[in-house]
Amino acid sequence: MNIYLTTEELSLKIKYNPRYIREHLKDKVFKKDIHYIKPFGGKKILYIWNEIEKLILSPAKEENPMDKIILRRKRAYNGQN
């Protein structure tokens, strides 16, 4: 059974400011229809505690250092800049 929390209720559980949750975690860390829903097509957001708890308890992914390198498209030299 899922437990649905408002932003304020979630902030008490995970010890983050509600504003930080809205501006930095929502849509960047928490994904719509996985970690939160907007019931009845409204503006109200309800966070799905079971999914957020899974996310919090999951091990952090190690980033591949190659992912940070920006590769530029190679252009063939044709005598012009």
PDB file of N, CA and C in Angstrom:
ATOM      1  N   MET A   1       0.842  -1.185   0.000  1.00  0.00           N
ATOM      2  CA  MET A   1       0.000   0.000   0.000  1.00  0.00           C
ATOM      3  C   MET A   1       0.886   1.248   0.000  1.00  0.00           C
ATOM      4  N   ASN A   2       0.618   2.149  -0.919  1.00  0.00           N
ATOM      5  CA  ASN A   2       1.398   3.383  -1.009  1.00  0.00           C
ATOM      6  C   ASN A   2       0.971   4.376   0.060  1.00  0.00           C
ATOM      7  N   ILE A   3       1.926   5.143   0.516  1.00  0.00           N
ATOM      8  CA  ILE A   3       1.669   6.228   1.451  1.00  0.00           C
ATOM      9  C   ILE A   3       1.956   7.521   0.706  1.00  0.00           C
ATOM     10  N   TYR A   4       0.978   8.414   0.652  1.00  0.00           N
ATOM     11  CA  TYR A   4       1.110   9.675  -0.070  1.00  0.00           C
ATOM     12  C   TYR A   4       1.357  10.803   0.925  1.00  0.00           C
ATOM     13  N   LEU A   5       2.336  11.651   0.611  1.00  0.00           N
ATOM     14  CA  LEU A   5       2.719  12.753   1.497  1.00  0.00           C
ATOM     15  C   LEU A   5       2.701  14.074   0.749  1.00  0.00           C
ATOM     16  N   THR A   6       2.329  15.119   1.440  1.00  0.00           N
ATOM     17  CA  THR A   6       2.465  16.463   0.879  1.00  0.00           C
ATOM     18  C   THR A   6       3.941  16.856   0.961  1.00  0.00           C
ATOM     19  N   THR A   7       4.294  17.959   0.336  1.00  0.00           N
ATOM     20  CA  THR A   7       5.675  18.446   0.385  1.00  0.00           C
ATOM     21  C   THR A   7       6.105  18.703   1.821  1.00  0.00           C
ATOM     22  N   GLU A   8       5.233  19.281   2.609  1.00  0.00           N
ATOM     23  CA  GLU A   8       5.561  19.595   4.007  1.00  0.00           C
ATOM     24  C   GLU A   8       5.759  18.323   4.825  1.00  0.00           C
ATOM     25  N   GLU A   9       4.906  17.326   4.611  1.00  0.00           N
ATOM     26  CA  GLU A   9       5.050  16.051   5.329  1.00  0.00           C
ATOM     27  C   GLU A   9       6.343  15.340   4.922  1.00  0.00           C
ATOM     28  N   LEU A  10       6.653  15.373   3.628  1.00  0.00           N
ATOM     29  CA  LEU A  10       7.891  14.759   3.150  1.00  0.00           C
ATOM     30  C   LEU A  10       9.102  15.462   3.745  1.00  0.00           C
ATOM     31  N   SER A  11       9.046  16.777   3.839  1.00  0.00           N
ATOM     32  CA  SER A  11      10.179  17.539   4.373  1.00  0.00           C
ATOM     33  C   SER A  11      10.477  17.142   5.823  1.00  0.00           C
ATOM     34  N   LEU A  12       9.452  16.837   6.587  1.00  0.00           N
ATOM     35  CA  LEU A  12       9.659  16.387   7.964  1.00  0.00           C
ATOM     36  C   LEU A  12      10.312  15.003   8.018  1.00  0.00           C
ATOM     37  N   LYS A  13       9.955  14.145   7.073  1.00  0.00           N
ATOM     38  CA  LYS A  13      10.512  12.788   7.046  1.00  0.00           C
ATOM     39  C   LYS A  13      11.970  12.772   6.600  1.00  0.00           C
ATOM     40  N   ILE A  14      12.293  13.533   5.560  1.00  0.00           N
ATOM     41  CA  ILE A  14      13.655  13.460   5.011  1.00  0.00           C
ATOM     42  C   ILE A  14      14.545  14.619   5.453  1.00  0.00           C
ATOM     43  N   LYS A  15      14.019  15.506   6.266  1.00  0.00           N
ATOM     44  CA  LYS A  15      14.777  16.617   6.857  1.00  0.00           C
ATOM     45  C   LYS A  15      15.360  17.579   5.813  1.00  0.00           C
ATOM     46  N   TYR A  16      14.546  17.858   4.794  1.00  0.00           N
ATOM     47  CA  TYR A  16      14.886  18.878   3.805  1.00  0.00           C
ATOM     48  C   TYR A  16      13.804  19.937   3.850  1.00  0.00           C
ATOM     49  N   ASN A  17      14.161  21.164   3.572  1.00  0.00           N
ATOM     50  CA  ASN A  17      13.230  22.274   3.531  1.00  0.00           C
ATOM     51  C   ASN A  17      12.234  22.043   2.394  1.00  0.00           C
ATOM     52  N   PRO A  18      10.927  22.338   2.609  1.00  0.00           N
ATOM     53  CA  PRO A  18       9.946  22.166   1.528  1.00  0.00           C
ATOM     54  C   PRO A  18      10.310  22.917   0.247  1.00  0.00           C
ATOM     55  N   ARG A  19      10.881  24.098   0.408  1.00  0.00           N
ATOM     56  CA  ARG A  19      11.281  24.875  -0.771  1.00  0.00           C
ATOM     57  C   ARG A  19      12.377  24.158  -1.557  1.00  0.00           C
ATOM     58  N   TYR A  20      13.331  23.557  -0.846  1.00  0.00           N
ATOM     59  CA  TYR A  20      14.401  22.812  -1.511  1.00  0.00           C
ATOM     60  C   TYR A  20      13.824  21.608  -2.263  1.00  0.00           C
ATOM     61  N   ILE A  21      12.856  20.954  -1.666  1.00  0.00           N
ATOM     62  CA  ILE A  21      12.210  19.806  -2.335  1.00  0.00           C
ATOM     63  C   ILE A  21      11.546  20.265  -3.622  1.00  0.00           C
ATOM     64  N   ARG A  22      10.792  21.370  -3.547  1.00  0.00           N
ATOM     65  CA  ARG A  22      10.076  21.870  -4.734  1.00  0.00           C
ATOM     66  C   ARG A  22      11.019  22.357  -5.826  1.00  0.00           C
ATOM     67  N   GLU A  23      12.091  23.043  -5.445  1.00  0.00           N
ATOM     68  CA  GLU A  23      12.953  23.687  -6.444  1.00  0.00           C
ATOM     69  C   GLU A  23      14.120  22.826  -6.916  1.00  0.00           C
ATOM     70  N   HIS A  24      14.592  21.905  -6.086  1.00  0.00           N
ATOM     71  CA  HIS A  24      15.802  21.168  -6.450  1.00  0.00           C
ATOM     72  C   HIS A  24      15.618  19.660  -6.602  1.00  0.00           C
ATOM     73  N   LEU A  25      14.694  19.080  -5.873  1.00  0.00           N
ATOM     74  CA  LEU A  25      14.525  17.634  -5.954  1.00  0.00           C
ATOM     75  C   LEU A  25      13.430  17.228  -6.935  1.00  0.00           C
ATOM     76  N   LYS A  26      12.327  17.966  -6.935  1.00  0.00           N
ATOM     77  CA  LYS A  26      11.223  17.650  -7.838  1.00  0.00           C
ATOM     78  C   LYS A  26      11.682  17.837  -9.282  1.00  0.00           C
ATOM     79  N   ASP A  27      11.438  16.838 -10.086  1.00  0.00           N
ATOM     80  CA  ASP A  27      11.776  16.797 -11.516  1.00  0.00           C
ATOM     81  C   ASP A  27      13.258  16.607 -11.798  1.00  0.00           C
ATOM     82  N   LYS A  28      14.116  16.722 -10.814  1.00  0.00           N
ATOM     83  CA  LYS A  28      15.540  16.447 -11.027  1.00  0.00           C
ATOM     84  C   LYS A  28      15.911  15.111 -10.407  1.00  0.00           C
ATOM     85  N   VAL A  29      15.439  14.881  -9.209  1.00  0.00           N
ATOM     86  CA  VAL A  29      15.686  13.620  -8.510  1.00  0.00           C
ATOM     87  C   VAL A  29      14.394  12.809  -8.464  1.00  0.00           C
ATOM     88  N   PHE A  30      13.318  13.457  -8.089  1.00  0.00           N
ATOM     89  CA  PHE A  30      12.017  12.803  -8.028  1.00  0.00           C
ATOM     90  C   PHE A  30      11.324  12.971  -9.375  1.00  0.00           C
ATOM     91  N   LYS A  31      10.893  11.865  -9.958  1.00  0.00           N
ATOM     92  CA  LYS A  31      10.260  11.885 -11.274  1.00  0.00           C
ATOM     93  C   LYS A  31       8.745  11.742 -11.157  1.00  0.00           C
ATOM     94  N   LYS A  32       8.040  12.497 -11.999  1.00  0.00           N
ATOM     95  CA  LYS A  32       6.579  12.458 -12.006  1.00  0.00           C
ATOM     96  C   LYS A  32       6.094  11.057 -12.367  1.00  0.00           C
ATOM     97  N   ASP A  33       5.040  10.618 -11.738  1.00  0.00           N
ATOM     98  CA  ASP A  33       4.409   9.308 -11.912  1.00  0.00           C
ATOM     99  C   ASP A  33       5.251   8.153 -11.382  1.00  0.00           C
ATOM    100  N   ILE A  34       6.416   8.442 -10.849  1.00  0.00           N
ATOM    101  CA  ILE A  34       7.211   7.427 -10.157  1.00  0.00           C
ATOM    102  C   ILE A  34       7.315   7.808  -8.689  1.00  0.00           C
ATOM    103  N   HIS A  35       7.820   9.018  -8.430  1.00  0.00           N
ATOM    104  CA  HIS A  35       8.030   9.486  -7.061  1.00  0.00           C
ATOM    105  C   HIS A  35       6.940  10.439  -6.583  1.00  0.00           C
ATOM    106  N   TYR A  36       6.215  11.035  -7.499  1.00  0.00           N
ATOM    107  CA  TYR A  36       5.116  11.918  -7.107  1.00  0.00           C
ATOM    108  C   TYR A  36       4.029  11.919  -8.173  1.00  0.00           C
ATOM    109  N   ILE A  37       2.846  12.312  -7.760  1.00  0.00           N
ATOM    110  CA  ILE A  37       1.708  12.410  -8.673  1.00  0.00           C
ATOM    111  C   ILE A  37       0.998  13.742  -8.446  1.00  0.00           C
ATOM    112  N   LYS A  38       0.217  14.118  -9.442  1.00  0.00           N
ATOM    113  CA  LYS A  38      -0.684  15.267  -9.322  1.00  0.00           C
ATOM    114  C   LYS A  38      -2.095  14.714  -9.512  1.00  0.00           C
ATOM    115  N   PRO A  39      -2.742  14.349  -8.394  1.00  0.00           N
ATOM    116  CA  PRO A  39      -4.054  13.697  -8.521  1.00  0.00           C
ATOM    117  C   PRO A  39      -5.116  14.614  -9.131  1.00  0.00           C
ATOM    118  N   PHE A  40      -5.991  14.000  -9.899  1.00  0.00           N
ATOM    119  CA  PHE A  40      -7.136  14.678 -10.514  1.00  0.00           C
ATOM    120  C   PHE A  40      -6.701  15.812 -11.437  1.00  0.00           C
ATOM    121  N   GLY A  41      -5.470  15.772 -11.945  1.00  0.00           N
ATOM    122  CA  GLY A  41      -4.988  16.776 -12.877  1.00  0.00           C
ATOM    123  C   GLY A  41      -4.813  18.152 -12.267  1.00  0.00           C
ATOM    124  N   GLY A  42      -4.754  18.222 -10.955  1.00  0.00           N
ATOM    125  CA  GLY A  42      -4.666  19.512 -10.269  1.00  0.00           C
ATOM    126  C   GLY A  42      -3.242  19.977 -10.044  1.00  0.00           C
ATOM    127  N   LYS A  43      -3.106  20.986  -9.206  1.00  0.00           N
ATOM    128  CA  LYS A  43      -1.798  21.557  -8.886  1.00  0.00           C
ATOM    129  C   LYS A  43      -1.161  20.877  -7.682  1.00  0.00           C
ATOM    130  N   LYS A  44      -1.980  20.252  -6.853  1.00  0.00           N
ATOM    131  CA  LYS A  44      -1.498  19.601  -5.638  1.00  0.00           C
ATOM    132  C   LYS A  44      -0.543  18.464  -5.995  1.00  0.00           C
ATOM    133  N   ILE A  45       0.566  18.378  -5.273  1.00  0.00           N
ATOM    134  CA  ILE A  45       1.549  17.316  -5.489  1.00  0.00           C
ATOM    135  C   ILE A  45       1.541  16.401  -4.280  1.00  0.00           C
ATOM    136  N   LEU A  46       1.458  15.109  -4.538  1.00  0.00           N
ATOM    137  CA  LEU A  46       1.569  14.112  -3.488  1.00  0.00           C
ATOM    138  C   LEU A  46       2.759  13.209  -3.804  1.00  0.00           C
ATOM    139  N   TYR A  47       3.652  13.083  -2.850  1.00  0.00           N
ATOM    140  CA  TYR A  47       4.846  12.261  -3.016  1.00  0.00           C
ATOM    141  C   TYR A  47       4.547  10.844  -2.560  1.00  0.00           C
ATOM    142  N   ILE A  48       5.062   9.864  -3.286  1.00  0.00           N
ATOM    143  CA  ILE A  48       4.841   8.454  -2.982  1.00  0.00           C
ATOM    144  C   ILE A  48       5.999   7.979  -2.116  1.00  0.00           C
ATOM    145  N   TRP A  49       5.735   7.844  -0.816  1.00  0.00           N
ATOM    146  CA  TRP A  49       6.791   7.555   0.143  1.00  0.00           C
ATOM    147  C   TRP A  49       7.530   6.255  -0.166  1.00  0.00           C
ATOM    148  N   ASN A  50       6.832   5.198  -0.562  1.00  0.00           N
ATOM    149  CA  ASN A  50       7.487   3.913  -0.835  1.00  0.00           C
ATOM    150  C   ASN A  50       8.573   4.057  -1.902  1.00  0.00           C
ATOM    151  N   GLU A  51       8.278   4.805  -2.949  1.00  0.00           N
ATOM    152  CA  GLU A  51       9.248   4.992  -4.043  1.00  0.00           C
ATOM    153  C   GLU A  51      10.398   5.897  -3.613  1.00  0.00           C
ATOM    154  N   ILE A  52      10.121   6.918  -2.845  1.00  0.00           N
ATOM    155  CA  ILE A  52      11.170   7.826  -2.380  1.00  0.00           C
ATOM    156  C   ILE A  52      12.093   7.097  -1.414  1.00  0.00           C
ATOM    157  N   GLU A  53      11.513   6.263  -0.561  1.00  0.00           N
ATOM    158  CA  GLU A  53      12.327   5.486   0.376  1.00  0.00           C
ATOM    159  C   GLU A  53      13.255   4.528  -0.367  1.00  0.00           C
ATOM    160  N   LYS A  54      12.762   3.891  -1.439  1.00  0.00           N
ATOM    161  CA  LYS A  54      13.619   3.027  -2.266  1.00  0.00           C
ATOM    162  C   LYS A  54      14.782   3.822  -2.840  1.00  0.00           C
ATOM    163  N   LEU A  55      14.478   5.027  -3.324  1.00  0.00           N
ATOM    164  CA  LEU A  55      15.506   5.891  -3.913  1.00  0.00           C
ATOM    165  C   LEU A  55      16.550   6.285  -2.873  1.00  0.00           C
ATOM    166  N   ILE A  56      16.101   6.637  -1.688  1.00  0.00           N
ATOM    167  CA  ILE A  56      17.014   7.052  -0.621  1.00  0.00           C
ATOM    168  C   ILE A  56      17.918   5.893  -0.196  1.00  0.00           C
ATOM    169  N   LEU A  57      17.367   4.690  -0.126  1.00  0.00           N
ATOM    170  CA  LEU A  57      18.118   3.526   0.357  1.00  0.00           C
ATOM    171  C   LEU A  57      18.975   2.857  -0.715  1.00  0.00           C
ATOM    172  N   SER A  58      18.754   3.213  -1.984  1.00  0.00           N
ATOM    173  CA  SER A  58      19.538   2.587  -3.055  1.00  0.00           C
ATOM    174  C   SER A  58      20.959   3.138  -3.054  1.00  0.00           C
ATOM    175  N   PRO A  59      21.934   2.277  -3.388  1.00  0.00           N
ATOM    176  CA  PRO A  59      23.320   2.763  -3.419  1.00  0.00           C
ATOM    177  C   PRO A  59      23.506   3.814  -4.507  1.00  0.00           C
ATOM    178  N   ALA A  60      24.377   4.754  -4.245  1.00  0.00           N
ATOM    179  CA  ALA A  60      24.662   5.811  -5.221  1.00  0.00           C
ATOM    180  C   ALA A  60      25.355   5.210  -6.432  1.00  0.00           C
ATOM    181  N   LYS A  61      24.997   5.701  -7.598  1.00  0.00           N
ATOM    182  CA  LYS A  61      25.637   5.233  -8.825  1.00  0.00           C
ATOM    183  C   LYS A  61      26.990   5.904  -8.958  1.00  0.00           C
ATOM    184  N   GLU A  62      27.974   5.111  -9.307  1.00  0.00           N
ATOM    185  CA  GLU A  62      29.290   5.697  -9.573  1.00  0.00           C
ATOM    186  C   GLU A  62      29.275   6.232 -10.988  1.00  0.00           C
ATOM    187  N   GLU A  63      29.699   7.460 -11.122  1.00  0.00           N
ATOM    188  CA  GLU A  63      29.697   8.076 -12.447  1.00  0.00           C
ATOM    189  C   GLU A  63      30.940   7.667 -13.210  1.00  0.00           C
ATOM    190  N   ASN A  64      30.750   7.456 -14.485  1.00  0.00           N
ATOM    191  CA  ASN A  64      31.853   7.170 -15.366  1.00  0.00           C
ATOM    192  C   ASN A  64      32.534   8.492 -15.695  1.00  0.00           C
ATOM    193  N   PRO A  65      33.839   8.655 -15.418  1.00  0.00           N
ATOM    194  CA  PRO A  65      34.499   9.937 -15.699  1.00  0.00           C
ATOM    195  C   PRO A  65      34.419  10.337 -17.166  1.00  0.00           C
ATOM    196  N   MET A  66      34.257   9.365 -18.060  1.00  0.00           N
ATOM    197  CA  MET A  66      34.158   9.675 -19.489  1.00  0.00           C
ATOM    198  C   MET A  66      32.856  10.409 -19.806  1.00  0.00           C
ATOM    199  N   ASP A  67      31.837  10.265 -18.957  1.00  0.00           N
ATOM    200  CA  ASP A  67      30.565  10.952 -19.188  1.00  0.00           C
ATOM    201  C   ASP A  67      30.704  12.461 -19.076  1.00  0.00           C
ATOM    202  N   LYS A  68      31.721  12.930 -18.379  1.00  0.00           N
ATOM    203  CA  LYS A  68      31.904  14.361 -18.169  1.00  0.00           C
ATOM    204  C   LYS A  68      32.649  15.038 -19.314  1.00  0.00           C
ATOM    205  N   ILE A  69      33.250  14.248 -20.178  1.00  0.00           N
ATOM    206  CA  ILE A  69      34.011  14.803 -21.292  1.00  0.00           C
ATOM    207  C   ILE A  69      33.055  15.133 -22.437  1.00  0.00           C
ATOM    208  N   ILE A  70      33.098  16.360 -22.885  1.00  0.00           N
ATOM    209  CA  ILE A  70      32.250  16.792 -23.992  1.00  0.00           C
ATOM    210  C   ILE A  70      33.006  16.527 -25.287  1.00  0.00           C
ATOM    211  N   LEU A  71      32.424  15.690 -26.111  1.00  0.00           N
ATOM    212  CA  LEU A  71      33.059  15.387 -27.391  1.00  0.00           C
ATOM    213  C   LEU A  71      32.507  16.329 -28.450  1.00  0.00           C
ATOM    214  N   ARG A  72      33.416  16.911 -29.201  1.00  0.00           N
ATOM    215  CA  ARG A  72      32.991  17.811 -30.274  1.00  0.00           C
ATOM    216  C   ARG A  72      32.960  17.036 -31.579  1.00  0.00           C
ATOM    217  N   ARG A  73      32.064  17.468 -32.433  1.00  0.00           N
ATOM    218  CA  ARG A  73      31.960  16.835 -33.734  1.00  0.00           C
ATOM    219  C   ARG A  73      33.239  17.116 -34.520  1.00  0.00           C
ATOM    220  N   LYS A  74      33.830  16.074 -35.051  1.00  0.00           N
ATOM    221  CA  LYS A  74      35.061  16.231 -35.827  1.00  0.00           C
ATOM    222  C   LYS A  74      34.702  16.709 -37.225  1.00  0.00           C
ATOM    223  N   ARG A  75      35.426  17.689 -37.675  1.00  0.00           N
ATOM    224  CA  ARG A  75      35.200  18.205 -39.028  1.00  0.00           C
ATOM    225  C   ARG A  75      36.405  17.881 -39.880  1.00  0.00           C
ATOM    226  N   ALA A  76      36.152  17.457 -41.056  1.00  0.00           N
ATOM    227  CA  ALA A  76      37.258  17.168 -41.985  1.00  0.00           C
ATOM    228  C   ALA A  76      37.878  18.492 -42.423  1.00  0.00           C
ATOM    229  N   TYR A  77      39.198  18.528 -42.456  1.00  0.00           N
ATOM    230  CA  TYR A  77      39.901  19.732 -42.880  1.00  0.00           C
ATOM    231  C   TYR A  77      39.785  19.869 -44.377  1.00  0.00           C
ATOM    232  N   ASN A  78      39.256  21.005 -44.825  1.00  0.00           N
ATOM    233  CA  ASN A  78      39.099  21.218 -46.263  1.00  0.00           C
ATOM    234  C   ASN A  78      39.794  22.495 -46.721  1.00  0.00           C
ATOM    235  N   GLY A  79      40.745  22.964 -45.914  1.00  0.00           N
ATOM    236  CA  GLY A  79      41.483  24.160 -46.297  1.00  0.00           C
ATOM    237  C   GLY A  79      40.816  25.442 -45.841  1.00  0.00           C
ATOM    238  N   GLN A  80      39.639  25.347 -45.240  1.00  0.00           N
ATOM    239  CA  GLN A  80      38.952  26.519 -44.727  1.00  0.00           C
ATOM    240  C   GLN A  80      38.754  26.377 -43.232  1.00  0.00           C
ATOM    241  N   ASN A  81      38.595  27.511 -42.558  1.00  0.00           N
ATOM    242  CA  ASN A  81      38.360  27.476 -41.092  1.00  0.00           C
ATOM    243  C   ASN A  81      36.931  27.230 -40.770  1.00  0.00           C
TER     244      ASN A  81
END
